């Protein structure tokens, strides 16, 4: 896995008109589309500053790219105040856009994120996020 110690500083791209990813308050969340209950949107706290976004992006751990041979990570994961955030690049690693995450994660990524949550003092909140929003899949890869 790659991390901020082995890669250049990552840049955050908020994107134009991405207000759908911002919550109305100070808590992250997952909202569901009423017309399609399987479709979800991660909502970042409205209090998350641009400096926080950049810091979190550079603390994030990289997920394996699977069978794709890419020089940079397509997806990154980080813990902030117990919530798991995913960041994705659409421009080959120049910039990333992040949001609270719901879905499947490998055991290896969850172990790294759990250790991160422990270092940050938010293990209890992390455990609740995982129980509520995360499905463990695969082994350590």
N, C-alpha and C. Protein backbone atom coordinates (compact mmCIF):
# COMPACT_ATOMS: atom_id res chain seq x y z
N UNK A 1 0.83 -1.19 0.00
CA UNK A 1 0.00 0.00 0.00
C UNK A 1 0.87 1.24 0.00
N UNK A 2 0.35 2.28 -0.61
CA UNK A 2 1.07 3.53 -0.63
C UNK A 2 0.52 4.40 0.48
N UNK A 3 1.32 5.31 0.98
CA UNK A 3 0.82 6.29 1.94
C UNK A 3 1.51 7.61 1.70
N UNK A 4 1.17 8.57 2.55
CA UNK A 4 1.72 9.90 2.34
C UNK A 4 3.23 9.95 2.56
N UNK A 5 3.80 8.92 3.23
CA UNK A 5 5.23 8.91 3.45
C UNK A 5 5.99 8.55 2.17
N UNK A 6 5.34 7.85 1.24
CA UNK A 6 6.03 7.41 0.03
C UNK A 6 5.54 8.11 -1.22
N UNK A 7 4.57 8.98 -1.11
CA UNK A 7 4.04 9.64 -2.30
C UNK A 7 4.06 11.15 -2.11
N UNK A 8 4.07 11.90 -3.19
CA UNK A 8 4.06 13.35 -3.07
C UNK A 8 2.73 13.82 -2.47
N UNK A 9 2.71 15.05 -1.99
CA UNK A 9 1.49 15.56 -1.37
C UNK A 9 0.33 15.49 -2.36
N UNK A 10 -0.78 14.99 -1.85
CA UNK A 10 -1.99 14.85 -2.67
C UNK A 10 -2.76 16.17 -2.62
N UNK A 11 -3.47 16.45 -3.70
CA UNK A 11 -4.27 17.68 -3.77
C UNK A 11 -5.75 17.32 -3.77
N UNK A 12 -6.53 18.15 -3.08
CA UNK A 12 -7.97 17.91 -2.98
C UNK A 12 -8.71 18.71 -4.04
N UNK A 13 -9.68 18.08 -4.68
CA UNK A 13 -10.51 18.74 -5.68
C UNK A 13 -11.95 18.72 -5.20
N UNK A 14 -12.42 19.83 -4.70
CA UNK A 14 -13.80 19.90 -4.23
C UNK A 14 -14.76 19.72 -5.39
N UNK A 15 -14.39 20.20 -6.53
CA UNK A 15 -15.25 20.06 -7.71
C UNK A 15 -16.32 21.14 -7.76
N UNK A 16 -16.77 21.39 -8.94
CA UNK A 16 -17.84 22.37 -9.16
C UNK A 16 -19.19 21.72 -8.83
N UNK A 17 -20.03 22.44 -8.18
CA UNK A 17 -21.42 22.02 -7.91
C UNK A 17 -21.51 20.66 -7.19
N UNK A 18 -20.58 20.38 -6.30
CA UNK A 18 -20.65 19.12 -5.55
C UNK A 18 -21.27 19.34 -4.17
N UNK A 19 -22.26 20.19 -4.10
CA UNK A 19 -22.90 20.49 -2.83
C UNK A 19 -23.63 19.29 -2.27
N UNK A 20 -23.96 18.32 -3.11
CA UNK A 20 -24.66 17.14 -2.64
C UNK A 20 -23.83 16.36 -1.63
N UNK A 21 -22.52 16.58 -1.58
CA UNK A 21 -21.65 15.87 -0.65
C UNK A 21 -21.40 16.64 0.64
N UNK A 22 -22.16 17.70 0.90
CA UNK A 22 -21.98 18.50 2.11
C UNK A 22 -23.24 18.42 2.97
N UNK A 23 -23.04 18.01 4.23
CA UNK A 23 -24.16 17.92 5.18
C UNK A 23 -24.54 19.31 5.66
N UNK A 24 -25.70 19.41 6.24
CA UNK A 24 -26.15 20.69 6.76
C UNK A 24 -25.54 21.01 8.13
N UNK A 25 -24.99 20.02 8.80
CA UNK A 25 -24.44 20.22 10.14
C UNK A 25 -23.01 19.75 10.26
N UNK A 26 -22.61 19.50 11.51
CA UNK A 26 -21.23 19.17 11.81
C UNK A 26 -20.94 17.67 11.84
N UNK A 27 -21.92 16.83 11.47
CA UNK A 27 -21.73 15.39 11.47
C UNK A 27 -21.73 14.83 10.05
N UNK A 28 -20.84 13.87 9.78
CA UNK A 28 -20.88 13.22 8.48
C UNK A 28 -22.07 12.29 8.43
N UNK A 29 -22.49 11.92 7.25
CA UNK A 29 -23.61 10.99 7.15
C UNK A 29 -23.72 10.38 5.78
N UNK A 30 -24.66 9.47 5.69
CA UNK A 30 -24.97 8.81 4.43
C UNK A 30 -26.46 9.04 4.19
N UNK A 31 -26.79 9.65 3.06
CA UNK A 31 -28.19 9.86 2.68
C UNK A 31 -28.52 8.92 1.53
N UNK A 32 -29.77 8.50 1.50
CA UNK A 32 -30.22 7.59 0.44
C UNK A 32 -31.20 8.31 -0.48
N UNK A 33 -31.11 7.99 -1.76
CA UNK A 33 -32.00 8.55 -2.77
C UNK A 33 -33.38 7.89 -2.61
N UNK A 34 -34.42 8.69 -2.41
CA UNK A 34 -35.75 8.14 -2.19
C UNK A 34 -36.27 7.37 -3.40
N UNK A 35 -35.83 7.75 -4.60
CA UNK A 35 -36.29 7.05 -5.80
C UNK A 35 -35.49 5.77 -6.07
N UNK A 36 -34.33 5.65 -5.42
CA UNK A 36 -33.48 4.46 -5.59
C UNK A 36 -32.80 4.18 -4.26
N UNK A 37 -33.44 3.37 -3.38
CA UNK A 37 -32.91 3.15 -2.03
C UNK A 37 -31.52 2.52 -1.98
N UNK A 38 -31.03 1.97 -3.08
CA UNK A 38 -29.69 1.40 -3.10
C UNK A 38 -28.63 2.47 -3.39
N UNK A 39 -29.03 3.63 -3.86
CA UNK A 39 -28.11 4.70 -4.19
C UNK A 39 -27.90 5.58 -2.96
N UNK A 40 -26.64 5.75 -2.58
CA UNK A 40 -26.33 6.56 -1.41
C UNK A 40 -25.37 7.69 -1.77
N UNK A 41 -25.38 8.72 -0.93
CA UNK A 41 -24.49 9.86 -1.10
C UNK A 41 -23.85 10.15 0.25
N UNK A 42 -22.51 10.13 0.29
CA UNK A 42 -21.79 10.49 1.51
C UNK A 42 -21.80 11.99 1.69
N UNK A 43 -22.12 12.43 2.90
CA UNK A 43 -22.19 13.87 3.20
C UNK A 43 -21.12 14.24 4.22
N UNK A 44 -20.19 15.10 3.81
CA UNK A 44 -19.14 15.59 4.71
C UNK A 44 -19.71 16.64 5.65
N UNK A 45 -19.16 16.75 6.85
CA UNK A 45 -19.61 17.82 7.75
C UNK A 45 -19.38 19.18 7.09
N UNK A 46 -20.32 20.09 7.30
CA UNK A 46 -20.16 21.43 6.72
C UNK A 46 -19.02 22.18 7.41
N UNK A 47 -18.57 21.68 8.55
CA UNK A 47 -17.50 22.32 9.32
C UNK A 47 -16.11 21.85 8.91
N UNK A 48 -16.01 20.91 7.98
CA UNK A 48 -14.72 20.39 7.54
C UNK A 48 -14.04 21.43 6.64
N UNK A 49 -12.91 21.94 7.10
CA UNK A 49 -12.23 23.00 6.35
C UNK A 49 -11.42 22.43 5.19
N UNK A 50 -11.01 23.30 4.30
CA UNK A 50 -10.18 22.88 3.18
C UNK A 50 -8.84 22.35 3.69
N UNK A 51 -8.30 22.95 4.73
CA UNK A 51 -7.04 22.47 5.32
C UNK A 51 -7.23 21.06 5.88
N UNK A 52 -8.38 20.81 6.53
CA UNK A 52 -8.68 19.47 7.03
C UNK A 52 -8.78 18.48 5.87
N UNK A 53 -9.43 18.86 4.80
CA UNK A 53 -9.59 17.98 3.64
C UNK A 53 -8.23 17.57 3.08
N UNK A 54 -7.33 18.51 2.96
CA UNK A 54 -5.99 18.24 2.42
C UNK A 54 -5.21 17.36 3.40
N UNK A 55 -5.28 17.68 4.69
CA UNK A 55 -4.58 16.87 5.70
C UNK A 55 -5.08 15.43 5.68
N UNK A 56 -6.39 15.24 5.65
CA UNK A 56 -6.96 13.89 5.65
C UNK A 56 -6.56 13.14 4.38
N UNK A 57 -6.56 13.80 3.27
CA UNK A 57 -6.18 13.18 2.01
C UNK A 57 -4.74 12.66 2.08
N UNK A 58 -3.88 13.42 2.72
CA UNK A 58 -2.48 13.03 2.81
C UNK A 58 -2.21 12.02 3.93
N UNK A 59 -3.16 11.81 4.82
CA UNK A 59 -3.07 10.75 5.84
C UNK A 59 -3.65 9.43 5.33
N UNK A 60 -4.38 9.49 4.24
CA UNK A 60 -5.13 8.34 3.76
C UNK A 60 -4.24 7.19 3.30
N UNK A 61 -4.78 5.98 3.44
CA UNK A 61 -4.10 4.78 2.95
C UNK A 61 -4.69 4.42 1.59
N UNK A 62 -3.84 3.91 0.74
CA UNK A 62 -4.26 3.55 -0.61
C UNK A 62 -4.78 2.12 -0.65
N UNK A 63 -5.86 1.94 -1.37
CA UNK A 63 -6.38 0.60 -1.62
C UNK A 63 -5.69 0.05 -2.86
N UNK A 64 -5.49 -1.26 -2.91
CA UNK A 64 -4.91 -1.85 -4.12
C UNK A 64 -5.79 -1.53 -5.33
N UNK A 65 -5.17 -1.37 -6.48
CA UNK A 65 -5.90 -1.06 -7.71
C UNK A 65 -6.46 -2.31 -8.39
N UNK A 66 -6.36 -3.44 -7.73
CA UNK A 66 -6.87 -4.67 -8.34
C UNK A 66 -6.01 -5.07 -9.52
N UNK A 67 -6.66 -5.39 -10.62
CA UNK A 67 -5.91 -5.86 -11.79
C UNK A 67 -5.46 -4.70 -12.68
N UNK A 68 -5.71 -3.48 -12.26
CA UNK A 68 -5.29 -2.33 -13.06
C UNK A 68 -3.85 -1.98 -12.75
N UNK A 69 -3.07 -1.74 -13.77
CA UNK A 69 -1.68 -1.36 -13.61
C UNK A 69 -1.60 0.16 -13.69
N UNK A 70 -1.80 0.80 -12.52
CA UNK A 70 -1.79 2.25 -12.45
C UNK A 70 -0.64 2.71 -11.56
N UNK A 71 0.00 3.82 -11.90
CA UNK A 71 1.12 4.30 -11.07
C UNK A 71 0.67 4.98 -9.77
N UNK A 72 -0.61 5.27 -9.64
CA UNK A 72 -1.13 5.91 -8.43
C UNK A 72 -2.36 5.14 -7.95
N UNK A 73 -2.73 5.40 -6.71
CA UNK A 73 -3.92 4.76 -6.16
C UNK A 73 -5.17 5.42 -6.72
N UNK A 74 -6.13 4.60 -7.14
CA UNK A 74 -7.42 5.11 -7.62
C UNK A 74 -8.29 5.52 -6.44
N UNK A 75 -8.22 4.74 -5.32
CA UNK A 75 -9.04 5.01 -4.14
C UNK A 75 -8.18 5.06 -2.89
N UNK A 76 -8.52 6.00 -2.01
CA UNK A 76 -7.84 6.18 -0.73
C UNK A 76 -8.89 6.13 0.38
N UNK A 77 -8.45 5.74 1.59
CA UNK A 77 -9.36 5.68 2.74
C UNK A 77 -8.69 6.29 3.96
N UNK A 78 -9.49 7.00 4.75
CA UNK A 78 -8.99 7.65 5.95
C UNK A 78 -10.11 7.68 7.00
N UNK A 79 -9.72 7.82 8.27
CA UNK A 79 -10.68 7.94 9.37
C UNK A 79 -10.62 9.36 9.90
N UNK A 80 -11.77 9.96 10.10
CA UNK A 80 -11.86 11.28 10.72
C UNK A 80 -13.02 11.26 11.70
N UNK A 81 -12.69 11.47 12.99
CA UNK A 81 -13.68 11.46 14.06
C UNK A 81 -14.56 10.22 14.00
N UNK A 82 -13.96 9.09 13.67
CA UNK A 82 -14.64 7.80 13.65
C UNK A 82 -15.24 7.41 12.32
N UNK A 83 -15.52 8.35 11.46
CA UNK A 83 -16.13 8.04 10.16
C UNK A 83 -15.05 7.66 9.15
N UNK A 84 -15.40 6.74 8.26
CA UNK A 84 -14.49 6.36 7.18
C UNK A 84 -14.83 7.21 5.96
N UNK A 85 -13.79 7.78 5.36
CA UNK A 85 -13.94 8.56 4.14
C UNK A 85 -13.22 7.85 3.01
N UNK A 86 -13.80 7.90 1.83
CA UNK A 86 -13.16 7.40 0.62
C UNK A 86 -12.85 8.59 -0.26
N UNK A 87 -11.69 8.56 -0.90
CA UNK A 87 -11.35 9.58 -1.89
C UNK A 87 -11.01 8.85 -3.19
N UNK A 88 -11.45 9.43 -4.29
CA UNK A 88 -11.18 8.84 -5.61
C UNK A 88 -10.56 9.88 -6.51
N UNK A 89 -9.75 9.40 -7.41
CA UNK A 89 -9.18 10.29 -8.41
C UNK A 89 -9.87 10.02 -9.75
N UNK A 90 -10.05 11.07 -10.50
CA UNK A 90 -10.58 10.91 -11.86
C UNK A 90 -9.58 11.47 -12.87
N UNK A 91 -8.43 11.91 -12.35
CA UNK A 91 -7.42 12.49 -13.24
C UNK A 91 -6.04 11.87 -13.00
N UNK A 92 -6.02 10.57 -12.81
CA UNK A 92 -4.79 9.79 -12.67
C UNK A 92 -3.91 10.25 -11.51
N UNK A 93 -4.54 10.58 -10.39
CA UNK A 93 -3.80 10.88 -9.17
C UNK A 93 -3.35 12.31 -8.98
N UNK A 94 -3.69 13.19 -9.90
CA UNK A 94 -3.32 14.61 -9.68
C UNK A 94 -4.12 15.18 -8.53
N UNK A 95 -5.42 14.88 -8.51
CA UNK A 95 -6.28 15.35 -7.42
C UNK A 95 -7.24 14.24 -7.02
N UNK A 96 -7.83 14.40 -5.84
CA UNK A 96 -8.80 13.44 -5.31
C UNK A 96 -10.00 14.20 -4.76
N UNK A 97 -11.14 13.52 -4.76
CA UNK A 97 -12.35 14.06 -4.15
C UNK A 97 -12.84 13.03 -3.13
N UNK A 98 -13.14 13.49 -1.91
CA UNK A 98 -13.51 12.56 -0.85
C UNK A 98 -14.89 12.79 -0.29
N UNK A 99 -15.39 11.76 0.42
CA UNK A 99 -16.72 11.78 1.01
C UNK A 99 -16.84 10.64 2.02
N UNK A 100 -17.75 10.72 2.98
CA UNK A 100 -17.97 9.59 3.89
C UNK A 100 -18.36 8.35 3.10
N UNK A 101 -17.88 7.19 3.55
CA UNK A 101 -18.01 5.97 2.78
C UNK A 101 -18.93 4.94 3.42
N UNK A 102 -19.69 4.26 2.56
CA UNK A 102 -20.52 3.13 2.92
C UNK A 102 -20.26 2.05 1.88
N UNK A 103 -20.05 0.81 2.33
CA UNK A 103 -19.85 -0.25 1.36
C UNK A 103 -18.88 -1.30 1.84
N UNK A 104 -18.30 -2.02 0.88
CA UNK A 104 -17.38 -3.11 1.17
C UNK A 104 -15.96 -2.61 1.31
N UNK A 105 -15.25 -3.19 2.29
CA UNK A 105 -13.82 -2.92 2.45
C UNK A 105 -13.14 -4.23 2.82
N UNK A 106 -11.91 -4.38 2.36
CA UNK A 106 -11.14 -5.58 2.68
C UNK A 106 -10.71 -5.57 4.14
N UNK A 107 -10.42 -6.75 4.64
CA UNK A 107 -9.92 -6.87 6.01
C UNK A 107 -8.64 -6.09 6.22
N UNK A 108 -7.76 -6.08 5.21
CA UNK A 108 -6.48 -5.37 5.34
C UNK A 108 -6.70 -3.86 5.48
N UNK A 109 -7.57 -3.30 4.68
CA UNK A 109 -7.85 -1.86 4.78
C UNK A 109 -8.51 -1.56 6.12
N UNK A 110 -9.45 -2.40 6.54
CA UNK A 110 -10.12 -2.18 7.83
C UNK A 110 -9.14 -2.24 9.00
N UNK A 111 -8.16 -3.13 8.92
CA UNK A 111 -7.14 -3.19 9.98
C UNK A 111 -6.34 -1.90 10.04
N UNK A 112 -5.94 -1.40 8.88
CA UNK A 112 -5.18 -0.13 8.85
C UNK A 112 -6.02 1.02 9.38
N UNK A 113 -7.29 1.05 8.99
CA UNK A 113 -8.17 2.14 9.44
C UNK A 113 -8.46 2.02 10.93
N UNK A 114 -8.59 0.80 11.42
CA UNK A 114 -8.80 0.60 12.86
C UNK A 114 -7.61 1.12 13.66
N UNK A 115 -6.40 0.83 13.19
CA UNK A 115 -5.19 1.33 13.85
C UNK A 115 -5.15 2.85 13.80
N UNK A 116 -5.57 3.42 12.68
CA UNK A 116 -5.61 4.88 12.54
C UNK A 116 -6.61 5.47 13.54
N UNK A 117 -7.78 4.85 13.64
CA UNK A 117 -8.81 5.32 14.58
C UNK A 117 -8.28 5.27 16.01
N UNK A 118 -7.55 4.21 16.33
CA UNK A 118 -6.98 4.09 17.68
C UNK A 118 -5.97 5.21 17.94
N UNK A 119 -5.10 5.48 16.97
CA UNK A 119 -4.11 6.57 17.12
C UNK A 119 -4.81 7.92 17.30
N UNK A 120 -5.94 8.08 16.63
CA UNK A 120 -6.67 9.35 16.67
C UNK A 120 -7.65 9.44 17.85
N UNK A 121 -7.76 8.37 18.62
CA UNK A 121 -8.63 8.39 19.80
C UNK A 121 -10.12 8.33 19.48
N UNK A 122 -10.48 7.67 18.38
CA UNK A 122 -11.90 7.60 18.01
C UNK A 122 -12.32 6.17 17.69
N UNK A 123 -11.77 5.20 18.40
CA UNK A 123 -12.06 3.79 18.13
C UNK A 123 -13.53 3.45 18.34
N UNK A 124 -14.17 4.00 19.37
CA UNK A 124 -15.57 3.69 19.62
C UNK A 124 -16.46 4.19 18.48
N UNK A 125 -16.23 5.42 18.04
CA UNK A 125 -17.00 5.98 16.94
C UNK A 125 -16.74 5.21 15.65
N UNK A 126 -15.48 4.80 15.45
CA UNK A 126 -15.10 4.01 14.29
C UNK A 126 -15.87 2.68 14.28
N UNK A 127 -15.92 2.01 15.43
CA UNK A 127 -16.63 0.72 15.52
C UNK A 127 -18.10 0.88 15.15
N UNK A 128 -18.71 1.98 15.56
CA UNK A 128 -20.11 2.25 15.24
C UNK A 128 -20.27 2.46 13.73
N UNK A 129 -19.35 3.24 13.13
CA UNK A 129 -19.41 3.49 11.67
C UNK A 129 -19.29 2.17 10.91
N UNK A 130 -18.33 1.34 11.31
CA UNK A 130 -18.12 0.06 10.64
C UNK A 130 -19.37 -0.81 10.77
N UNK A 131 -19.91 -0.89 11.96
CA UNK A 131 -21.10 -1.73 12.18
C UNK A 131 -22.29 -1.24 11.35
N UNK A 132 -22.41 0.07 11.22
CA UNK A 132 -23.55 0.66 10.53
C UNK A 132 -23.41 0.66 9.01
N UNK A 133 -22.22 0.93 8.51
CA UNK A 133 -22.06 1.22 7.08
C UNK A 133 -21.12 0.32 6.30
N UNK A 134 -20.34 -0.53 6.96
CA UNK A 134 -19.28 -1.25 6.25
C UNK A 134 -19.54 -2.75 6.24
N UNK A 135 -19.27 -3.36 5.08
CA UNK A 135 -19.33 -4.80 4.93
C UNK A 135 -17.91 -5.28 4.65
N UNK A 136 -17.40 -6.13 5.54
CA UNK A 136 -16.05 -6.69 5.35
C UNK A 136 -16.11 -7.73 4.25
N UNK A 137 -15.13 -7.69 3.35
CA UNK A 137 -15.09 -8.72 2.31
C UNK A 137 -13.65 -9.16 2.11
N UNK A 138 -13.51 -10.36 1.59
CA UNK A 138 -12.18 -10.86 1.30
C UNK A 138 -11.33 -11.03 2.54
N UNK A 139 -10.13 -11.35 2.33
CA UNK A 139 -9.18 -11.53 3.42
C UNK A 139 -8.41 -10.27 3.66
N UNK A 140 -7.11 -10.41 3.63
CA UNK A 140 -6.25 -9.27 3.92
C UNK A 140 -5.86 -8.50 2.65
N UNK A 141 -6.49 -8.77 1.55
CA UNK A 141 -6.06 -8.10 0.32
C UNK A 141 -7.06 -7.20 -0.27
